[in-house]
Protein backbone atom coordinates (compact mmCIF):
# COMPACT_ATOMS: atom_id res chain seq x y z
CA MET A 1 -19.03 -16.92 -97.63
CA TYR A 2 -19.93 -19.23 -94.75
CA LYS A 3 -23.25 -20.36 -93.36
CA ASP A 4 -24.29 -20.24 -89.72
CA GLU A 5 -26.59 -22.73 -87.99
CA THR A 6 -29.66 -21.00 -89.48
CA ASN A 7 -28.18 -21.43 -92.99
CA GLN A 8 -27.96 -17.67 -93.41
CA ASN A 9 -25.01 -16.53 -95.48
CA ILE A 10 -22.49 -14.52 -93.47
CA ASP A 11 -19.69 -12.60 -95.11
CA ILE A 12 -16.58 -13.55 -93.16
CA ARG A 13 -15.10 -10.15 -94.00
CA LYS A 14 -17.79 -8.65 -91.77
CA LEU A 15 -16.03 -10.33 -88.85
CA ILE A 16 -12.41 -10.26 -89.99
CA PRO A 17 -11.81 -7.92 -92.96
CA ASN A 18 -8.91 -10.03 -94.26
CA GLY A 19 -11.15 -13.12 -94.21
CA LYS A 20 -8.46 -15.10 -92.38
CA ILE A 21 -7.40 -15.49 -88.79
CA PRO A 22 -3.65 -14.80 -88.56
CA THR A 23 -1.46 -17.32 -86.77
CA PRO A 24 0.18 -16.37 -83.45
CA LYS A 25 3.53 -16.02 -85.22
CA GLU A 26 2.01 -13.71 -87.83
CA ILE A 27 0.55 -11.57 -85.04
CA THR A 28 3.87 -11.33 -83.19
CA ALA A 29 5.72 -10.55 -86.44
CA TYR A 30 3.29 -7.68 -87.04
CA LEU A 31 3.76 -6.44 -83.48
CA ASP A 32 7.57 -6.73 -83.70
CA GLU A 33 7.52 -4.07 -86.43
CA ARG A 34 5.61 -1.67 -84.23
CA VAL A 35 6.27 -2.50 -80.57
CA ILE A 36 9.75 -2.82 -79.05
CA GLY A 37 10.39 -5.72 -76.69
CA GLN A 38 7.66 -7.34 -74.56
CA GLN A 39 8.16 -10.67 -76.35
CA GLU A 40 6.47 -12.81 -73.71
CA ALA A 41 3.43 -10.52 -73.59
CA LYS A 42 3.25 -10.55 -77.39
CA LYS A 43 3.33 -14.35 -77.42
CA LYS A 44 0.60 -14.76 -74.81
CA LEU A 45 -1.62 -12.13 -76.40
CA ALA A 46 -1.13 -13.59 -79.88
CA VAL A 47 -2.13 -17.08 -78.76
CA ALA A 48 -5.12 -15.79 -76.78
CA VAL A 49 -6.36 -13.64 -79.68
CA CYS A 50 -5.89 -16.43 -82.21
CA ASN A 51 -7.75 -18.94 -80.02
CA HIS A 52 -10.52 -16.42 -79.38
CA TYR A 53 -11.28 -15.87 -83.04
CA LYS A 54 -10.96 -19.57 -83.88
CA ARG A 55 -13.59 -20.10 -81.19
CA ILE A 56 -15.84 -17.53 -82.88
CA PHE A 57 -15.52 -19.23 -86.26
CA SER A 58 -16.21 -22.59 -84.65
CA ASN A 59 -19.35 -21.33 -82.89
CA ILE A 60 -20.81 -19.25 -85.73
CA PHE A 61 -19.93 -21.41 -88.70
CA LYS A 62 -19.91 -24.77 -86.89
CA ILE A 63 -16.40 -25.51 -88.11
CA GLY A 64 -14.97 -28.59 -86.40
CA ASN A 65 -18.26 -29.34 -84.64
CA ASP A 66 -18.49 -32.92 -85.86
CA GLY A 67 -17.15 -36.33 -84.92
CA GLU A 68 -15.40 -36.57 -81.56
CA PHE A 69 -15.48 -32.77 -81.08
CA GLU A 70 -19.22 -32.33 -81.64
CA ASP A 71 -19.98 -31.56 -78.00
CA VAL A 72 -16.74 -29.69 -77.23
CA GLU A 73 -17.31 -26.01 -76.48
CA ILE A 74 -14.28 -23.72 -76.42
CA ASP A 75 -14.13 -21.24 -73.53
CA LYS A 76 -13.34 -17.55 -73.98
CA SER A 77 -9.73 -16.40 -73.78
CA ASN A 78 -10.15 -13.12 -71.90
CA VAL A 79 -6.85 -11.66 -70.69
CA ILE A 80 -5.54 -9.84 -67.63
CA LEU A 81 -2.56 -7.71 -68.73
CA LEU A 82 -0.40 -6.23 -65.96
CA GLY A 83 2.40 -3.71 -66.31
CA ASN A 84 3.67 -0.28 -65.31
CA THR A 85 2.38 2.81 -67.04
CA GLY A 86 4.05 3.52 -70.35
CA THR A 87 5.18 -0.07 -71.02
CA GLY A 88 2.92 -0.50 -74.07
CA LYS A 89 -0.14 -2.38 -72.79
CA THR A 90 -2.68 -0.26 -74.66
CA PHE A 91 -0.43 0.06 -77.71
CA LEU A 92 -0.17 -3.72 -78.03
CA ILE A 93 -3.93 -4.18 -78.05
CA GLN A 94 -4.55 -1.30 -80.43
CA ASN A 95 -2.11 -2.79 -82.93
CA ILE A 96 -3.66 -6.26 -82.66
CA ALA A 97 -7.11 -4.78 -83.32
CA LYS A 98 -5.72 -2.81 -86.24
CA MET A 99 -4.16 -5.92 -87.75
CA LEU A 100 -7.41 -7.87 -87.44
CA GLY A 101 -9.55 -4.94 -88.56
CA VAL A 102 -11.93 -5.29 -85.60
CA PRO A 103 -13.29 -2.43 -83.47
CA CYS A 104 -11.48 -1.74 -80.22
CA HIS A 105 -12.69 0.31 -77.25
CA ILE A 106 -10.60 1.29 -74.24
CA HIS A 107 -12.70 2.06 -71.16
CA ASP A 108 -11.45 3.61 -67.94
CA CYS A 109 -12.81 1.45 -65.11
CA THR A 110 -12.32 4.22 -62.54
CA LYS A 111 -15.37 5.98 -64.01
CA LEU A 112 -17.63 3.01 -63.35
CA THR A 113 -19.95 2.88 -60.35
CA GLU A 114 -22.82 0.73 -59.23
CA SER A 115 -26.19 1.46 -60.83
CA GLY A 116 -27.93 4.35 -59.14
CA TYR A 117 -24.74 6.21 -58.27
CA VAL A 118 -23.10 9.16 -59.97
CA GLY A 119 -20.77 7.84 -62.65
CA GLU A 120 -20.98 5.38 -65.52
CA ASP A 121 -22.90 2.11 -65.58
CA VAL A 122 -21.00 -0.95 -66.79
CA GLU A 123 -23.25 -1.08 -69.87
CA ASN A 124 -21.58 2.12 -71.08
CA ILE A 125 -18.54 -0.03 -71.88
CA LEU A 126 -20.52 -1.60 -74.71
CA THR A 127 -21.79 1.80 -75.82
CA GLY A 128 -18.17 2.76 -76.41
CA LEU A 129 -17.54 -0.43 -78.40
CA LEU A 130 -20.66 0.14 -80.49
CA ASN A 131 -19.46 3.65 -81.29
CA ALA A 132 -16.02 2.28 -82.24
CA ALA A 133 -17.82 -0.04 -84.67
CA ASP A 134 -19.70 2.94 -86.17
CA GLY A 135 -22.98 1.58 -84.86
CA ASP A 136 -22.58 -1.80 -86.59
CA VAL A 137 -23.81 -4.34 -84.04
CA GLU A 138 -22.37 -7.35 -85.87
CA ARG A 139 -18.87 -5.86 -85.91
CA ALA A 140 -19.17 -4.71 -82.29
CA GLN A 141 -20.02 -8.27 -81.24
CA VAL A 142 -16.60 -9.52 -82.42
CA GLY A 143 -14.62 -6.52 -81.15
CA ILE A 144 -12.07 -6.05 -78.39
CA VAL A 145 -12.72 -4.21 -75.12
CA CYS A 146 -9.87 -3.04 -72.90
CA LEU A 147 -10.92 -2.56 -69.29
CA ASP A 148 -8.22 -0.06 -68.34
CA GLU A 149 -7.34 0.52 -64.66
CA ILE A 150 -9.22 -2.64 -63.67
CA ASP A 151 -6.84 -2.91 -60.72
CA LYS A 152 -8.47 0.20 -59.22
CA LEU A 153 -11.60 -1.90 -58.61
CA GLY A 154 -9.70 -4.09 -56.16
CA ILE A 155 -11.11 -4.41 -52.67
CA LYS A 156 -8.38 -3.20 -50.35
CA GLY A 157 -7.71 -5.05 -47.13
CA GLU A 158 -8.92 -8.35 -45.74
CA ASN A 159 -12.03 -6.92 -44.06
CA VAL A 160 -14.49 -5.51 -46.57
CA SER A 161 -16.81 -2.78 -45.32
CA ILE A 162 -20.48 -3.72 -44.99
CA THR A 163 -21.44 -0.35 -46.44
CA ARG A 164 -22.08 0.15 -50.14
CA ASP A 165 -18.94 -0.29 -52.21
CA VAL A 166 -19.74 2.16 -54.99
CA SER A 167 -16.76 1.54 -57.23
CA GLY A 168 -15.21 -1.73 -56.03
CA GLU A 169 -16.84 -5.13 -55.55
CA GLY A 170 -20.22 -3.93 -56.82
CA VAL A 171 -18.71 -2.90 -60.15
CA GLN A 172 -16.80 -6.17 -60.38
CA GLN A 173 -20.09 -8.02 -59.95
CA GLY A 174 -21.64 -5.81 -62.63
CA LEU A 175 -18.82 -6.65 -65.04
CA LEU A 176 -19.51 -10.37 -64.73
CA LYS A 177 -22.68 -10.33 -66.84
CA ILE A 178 -20.82 -8.53 -69.62
CA VAL A 179 -17.54 -10.43 -69.55
CA GLU A 180 -18.94 -13.96 -69.31
CA GLY A 181 -21.22 -13.62 -72.35
CA ASN A 182 -24.81 -12.37 -72.23
CA ILE A 183 -27.33 -10.39 -74.22
CA VAL A 184 -27.03 -6.86 -72.85
CA GLY A 185 -29.34 -3.95 -73.63
CA VAL A 186 -27.18 -0.96 -74.58
CA MET A 187 -28.19 2.66 -74.98
CA PRO A 188 -26.25 3.99 -77.98
CA ASN A 189 -25.79 7.43 -76.38
CA GLY A 190 -25.17 6.25 -72.83
CA GLY A 191 -27.65 5.50 -70.08
CA ARG A 192 -27.62 8.56 -67.82
CA LYS A 193 -28.07 11.55 -70.11
CA HIS A 194 -30.58 10.02 -72.53
CA PRO A 195 -32.82 7.71 -70.49
CA GLN A 196 -35.65 7.66 -73.06
CA GLN A 197 -33.65 6.22 -75.95
CA GLN A 198 -34.31 2.71 -77.26
CA THR A 199 -31.83 0.05 -76.24
CA ILE A 200 -29.83 -2.09 -78.67
CA ASP A 201 -29.15 -5.71 -77.76
CA ILE A 202 -25.49 -6.77 -77.93
CA ASP A 203 -24.34 -10.35 -77.43
CA THR A 204 -21.03 -10.24 -75.54
CA SER A 205 -20.24 -13.93 -76.04
CA ASN A 206 -17.75 -13.23 -78.83
CA ILE A 207 -16.22 -9.99 -77.50
CA LEU A 208 -12.65 -10.31 -76.27
CA PHE A 209 -12.16 -8.56 -72.92
CA ILE A 210 -8.71 -7.53 -71.76
CA GLY A 211 -8.33 -6.17 -68.23
CA MET A 212 -5.34 -3.87 -67.88
CA GLY A 213 -3.68 -2.18 -64.94
CA ALA A 214 -0.42 -1.41 -63.16
CA PHE A 215 -1.46 -3.46 -60.08
CA VAL A 216 0.91 -1.43 -57.92
CA GLY A 217 2.09 -3.50 -54.97
CA ILE A 218 1.18 -6.92 -56.32
CA GLU A 219 4.90 -7.79 -56.45
CA ASP A 220 4.89 -7.72 -52.65
CA ILE A 221 2.03 -10.22 -52.59
CA ILE A 222 3.85 -12.55 -54.97
CA THR A 223 7.16 -12.22 -53.10
CA LYS A 224 5.49 -13.00 -49.78
CA ARG A 225 3.96 -16.16 -51.28
CA LEU A 226 7.26 -17.31 -52.82
CA LYS A 227 9.44 -16.73 -49.75
CA PRO A 228 9.46 -19.61 -47.26
CA ALA A 229 8.10 -18.88 -43.80
CA SER A 230 10.85 -18.12 -41.30
CA HIS A 231 11.12 -20.11 -38.10
CA ILE A 232 12.49 -19.12 -34.72
CA GLY A 233 14.45 -21.46 -32.44
CA PHE A 234 15.55 -25.04 -33.08
CA GLY A 235 15.56 -25.91 -36.79
CA SER A 236 15.14 -22.30 -37.82
CA ARG A 237 15.66 -21.55 -41.52
CA THR A 238 17.37 -18.27 -42.30
CA GLU A 239 18.18 -18.66 -46.00
CA GLN A 240 15.87 -16.98 -48.48
CA THR A 241 14.59 -18.31 -51.76
CA ASP A 242 15.92 -16.44 -54.79
CA ILE A 243 13.22 -14.32 -56.39
CA SER A 244 13.24 -13.89 -60.15
CA GLU A 245 13.94 -10.42 -61.50
CA SER A 246 10.63 -10.53 -63.36
CA ILE A 247 8.53 -11.35 -60.34
CA LEU A 248 5.33 -11.10 -62.39
CA ASP A 249 6.35 -14.31 -64.20
CA SER A 250 5.22 -16.10 -61.03
CA ILE A 251 1.80 -14.47 -60.70
CA THR A 252 -1.20 -16.72 -60.02
CA PRO A 253 -4.96 -16.12 -59.76
CA SER A 254 -4.61 -16.31 -55.97
CA ASP A 255 -2.39 -13.21 -56.07
CA LEU A 256 -5.07 -11.31 -57.97
CA LYS A 257 -7.60 -12.42 -55.35
CA LYS A 258 -5.42 -11.11 -52.52
CA TYR A 259 -5.03 -7.87 -54.45
CA GLY A 260 -8.80 -7.41 -54.32
CA LEU A 261 -10.38 -8.88 -57.44
CA ILE A 262 -13.28 -11.21 -56.74
CA PRO A 263 -12.83 -14.90 -57.67
CA GLU A 264 -15.80 -14.86 -60.04
CA LEU A 265 -14.20 -12.11 -62.12
CA ILE A 266 -10.73 -13.65 -62.04
CA GLY A 267 -12.22 -16.88 -63.37
CA ARG A 268 -13.48 -15.04 -66.46
CA PHE A 269 -9.88 -14.03 -67.33
CA PRO A 270 -8.01 -17.32 -67.79
CA VAL A 271 -4.98 -15.76 -69.49
CA ILE A 272 -2.61 -13.67 -67.35
CA ALA A 273 0.18 -11.75 -69.09
CA HIS A 274 2.42 -8.85 -68.16
CA THR A 275 4.65 -6.25 -69.76
CA ASP A 276 8.18 -5.71 -68.48
CA PRO A 277 9.55 -2.37 -67.22
CA LEU A 278 11.33 -0.42 -69.94
CA GLU A 279 15.07 0.18 -69.71
CA LYS A 280 16.88 3.10 -71.32
CA ASP A 281 17.99 0.95 -74.27
CA ASP A 282 14.34 0.05 -74.88
CA LEU A 283 13.38 3.72 -74.98
CA VAL A 284 16.17 4.48 -77.46
CA ARG A 285 14.85 1.73 -79.73
CA ILE A 286 11.26 2.96 -79.28
CA ILE A 287 12.32 6.43 -80.42
CA LYS A 288 14.07 5.15 -83.56
CA GLU A 289 12.99 1.71 -84.73
CA PRO A 290 9.22 1.04 -85.01
CA LYS A 291 7.46 1.67 -88.31
CA ASN A 292 5.54 4.51 -86.72
CA SER A 293 8.27 5.67 -84.34
CA ILE A 294 8.01 9.15 -82.87
CA MET A 295 11.26 10.16 -84.58
CA LYS A 296 9.94 9.12 -87.99
CA GLN A 297 6.74 11.09 -87.37
CA TYR A 298 8.68 14.32 -86.84
CA GLN A 299 10.91 13.53 -89.79
CA LYS A 300 7.81 13.22 -91.95
CA LEU A 301 6.55 16.58 -90.68
CA ALA A 302 9.87 18.14 -91.67
CA TYR A 303 9.71 16.39 -95.04
CA LEU A 304 6.36 18.06 -95.72
CA ASP A 305 8.21 21.39 -95.42
CA GLY A 306 10.92 20.19 -97.79
CA LYS A 307 13.44 19.63 -94.97
CA THR A 308 15.46 16.62 -93.84
CA LEU A 309 15.42 16.25 -90.05
CA THR A 310 18.12 14.15 -88.38
CA PHE A 311 18.99 13.34 -84.77
CA THR A 312 22.45 12.50 -83.50
CA ASP A 313 22.74 9.34 -81.41
CA ALA A 314 23.74 11.48 -78.42
CA ALA A 315 20.58 13.58 -78.81
CA ILE A 316 18.38 10.48 -78.80
CA ASP A 317 20.30 9.31 -75.74
CA SER A 318 19.41 12.55 -73.91
CA ILE A 319 15.74 12.21 -74.87
CA ALA A 320 15.73 8.62 -73.56
CA ASP A 321 17.38 9.80 -70.32
CA ALA A 322 14.65 12.40 -69.85
CA ALA A 323 11.93 9.82 -70.50
CA MET A 324 13.45 7.51 -67.89
CA LEU A 325 13.64 10.30 -65.32
CA THR A 326 10.01 11.34 -65.77
CA GLY A 327 8.92 7.77 -64.98
CA THR A 328 6.23 7.78 -67.67
CA GLY A 329 7.89 5.22 -69.94
CA ALA A 330 7.21 5.32 -73.67
CA ARG A 331 4.15 7.47 -73.08
CA GLY A 332 6.33 10.42 -72.05
CA ILE A 333 8.49 10.44 -75.17
CA LYS A 334 5.99 12.43 -77.24
CA GLY A 335 5.88 15.26 -74.69
CA ILE A 336 9.66 15.36 -74.40
CA MET A 337 10.05 15.50 -78.18
CA GLU A 338 7.59 18.40 -78.26
CA THR A 339 9.72 20.23 -75.68
CA VAL A 340 12.81 19.67 -77.79
CA LEU A 341 11.33 20.43 -81.21
CA THR A 342 8.71 23.17 -80.77
CA ASP A 343 11.13 26.09 -81.25
CA PHE A 344 13.10 24.06 -83.75
CA MET A 345 10.03 23.52 -85.96
CA TYR A 346 8.84 27.09 -85.42
CA ASP A 347 12.10 28.50 -86.81
CA SER A 348 12.73 25.85 -89.46
CA SER A 349 10.28 27.36 -91.95
CA ASP A 350 12.46 30.49 -92.14
CA SER A 351 15.69 28.54 -92.46
CA ASN A 352 17.41 28.08 -95.81
CA ASP A 353 19.02 24.88 -94.58
CA GLU A 354 17.62 21.75 -96.20
CA ILE A 355 19.14 19.47 -93.57
CA LEU A 356 18.25 20.16 -89.93
CA VAL A 357 20.26 18.42 -87.20
CA VAL A 358 19.17 18.01 -83.58
CA ASP A 359 22.24 17.41 -81.40
CA LYS A 360 22.91 16.65 -77.75
CA ASP A 361 23.74 20.23 -76.70
CA TYR A 362 20.42 21.46 -78.08
CA CYS A 363 18.50 18.70 -76.28
CA ASP A 364 20.36 19.14 -73.00
CA ARG A 365 19.67 22.87 -72.98
CA LEU A 366 15.93 22.40 -73.41
CA LEU A 367 15.69 19.38 -71.12
CA CYS A 368 17.95 20.73 -68.36
CA ASN A 369 15.17 20.85 -65.77
CA ILE A 370 14.52 17.14 -66.27
CA LEU A 371 18.10 16.00 -66.78
CA LYS A 372 19.35 17.72 -63.61
CA MET A 373 17.29 15.13 -61.70
CA LYS A 374 19.84 12.59 -62.94
CA LYS A 375 22.70 14.57 -61.42
CA VAL A 376 20.88 14.87 -58.10
CA ALA A 377 20.26 11.12 -58.06
């Protein structure tokens, strides 16, 4: 038990069920068992999350608020997480929230509009978090919110229209009051369909916000900034600066501004991280290795029927090929496995075989429409 500034006893397990903030290395070790690759993203997220919850403990329980640090206030560690679809952005955050035991809500920013327009108000983000916390305001106030597709709010082009920007800059401005830390009145059932309901006040000061998106095209902005300007005539410079393979390593807040996010919002997200594109070898490992891998899930389903389900390495290779060709990353593996195994599982209950083997020929036959794209390429 700890005491806050009003000397009221607070059960620390209300905030973090384990009663202890894990170290960044403990967080990454937990993620390594469940998420393949993305080591740099894991490291940045682990440090940001750890610092965020240390800040909460410092503010609520006044830990370390004495001596030379008495007047030191720790800023929030909100994160912008970039990366292609299917590279594990959402999965990383969900696993971090699961490890900490805090509520997590993922909200699609494309549904948000300015107040008075058809769509969702920004306050509905907190309604989703409150629901994820089963209506417990205290738990919601230390939860995690993922602002998915935040890149879709970017203002395109240098000249912004003087007409109403229903789902761009206006929404970004609306997000500021939530992200920076304020008392926000939230309608537990949403604001549009139930306007007569009583609002619930939620303090967003201790909520960790993570803005996620593919940010398609931002590599061009970064590359243009990194390449030296070319000159014509005397003293012209024709050589080009080498650009790193992982161009997102060089991203700066100015790149996000050029992409269309307003400076005020960018300033509320001091941590910028990114996931790397997945290669075929990554997909093979994703299929087989994590604790909750998709292969192990289907093997458990077979086990419940008294069967042992195995995959040859060549079969897994074909499934990974199909996932690469669909361009949906790890997210597409589940659908491909369903294509491969639906008939297999349908017939398995009538089979007397205790060991069921999925091989390459079987996979190739069912995935031929996808795999022929490889031959065309």
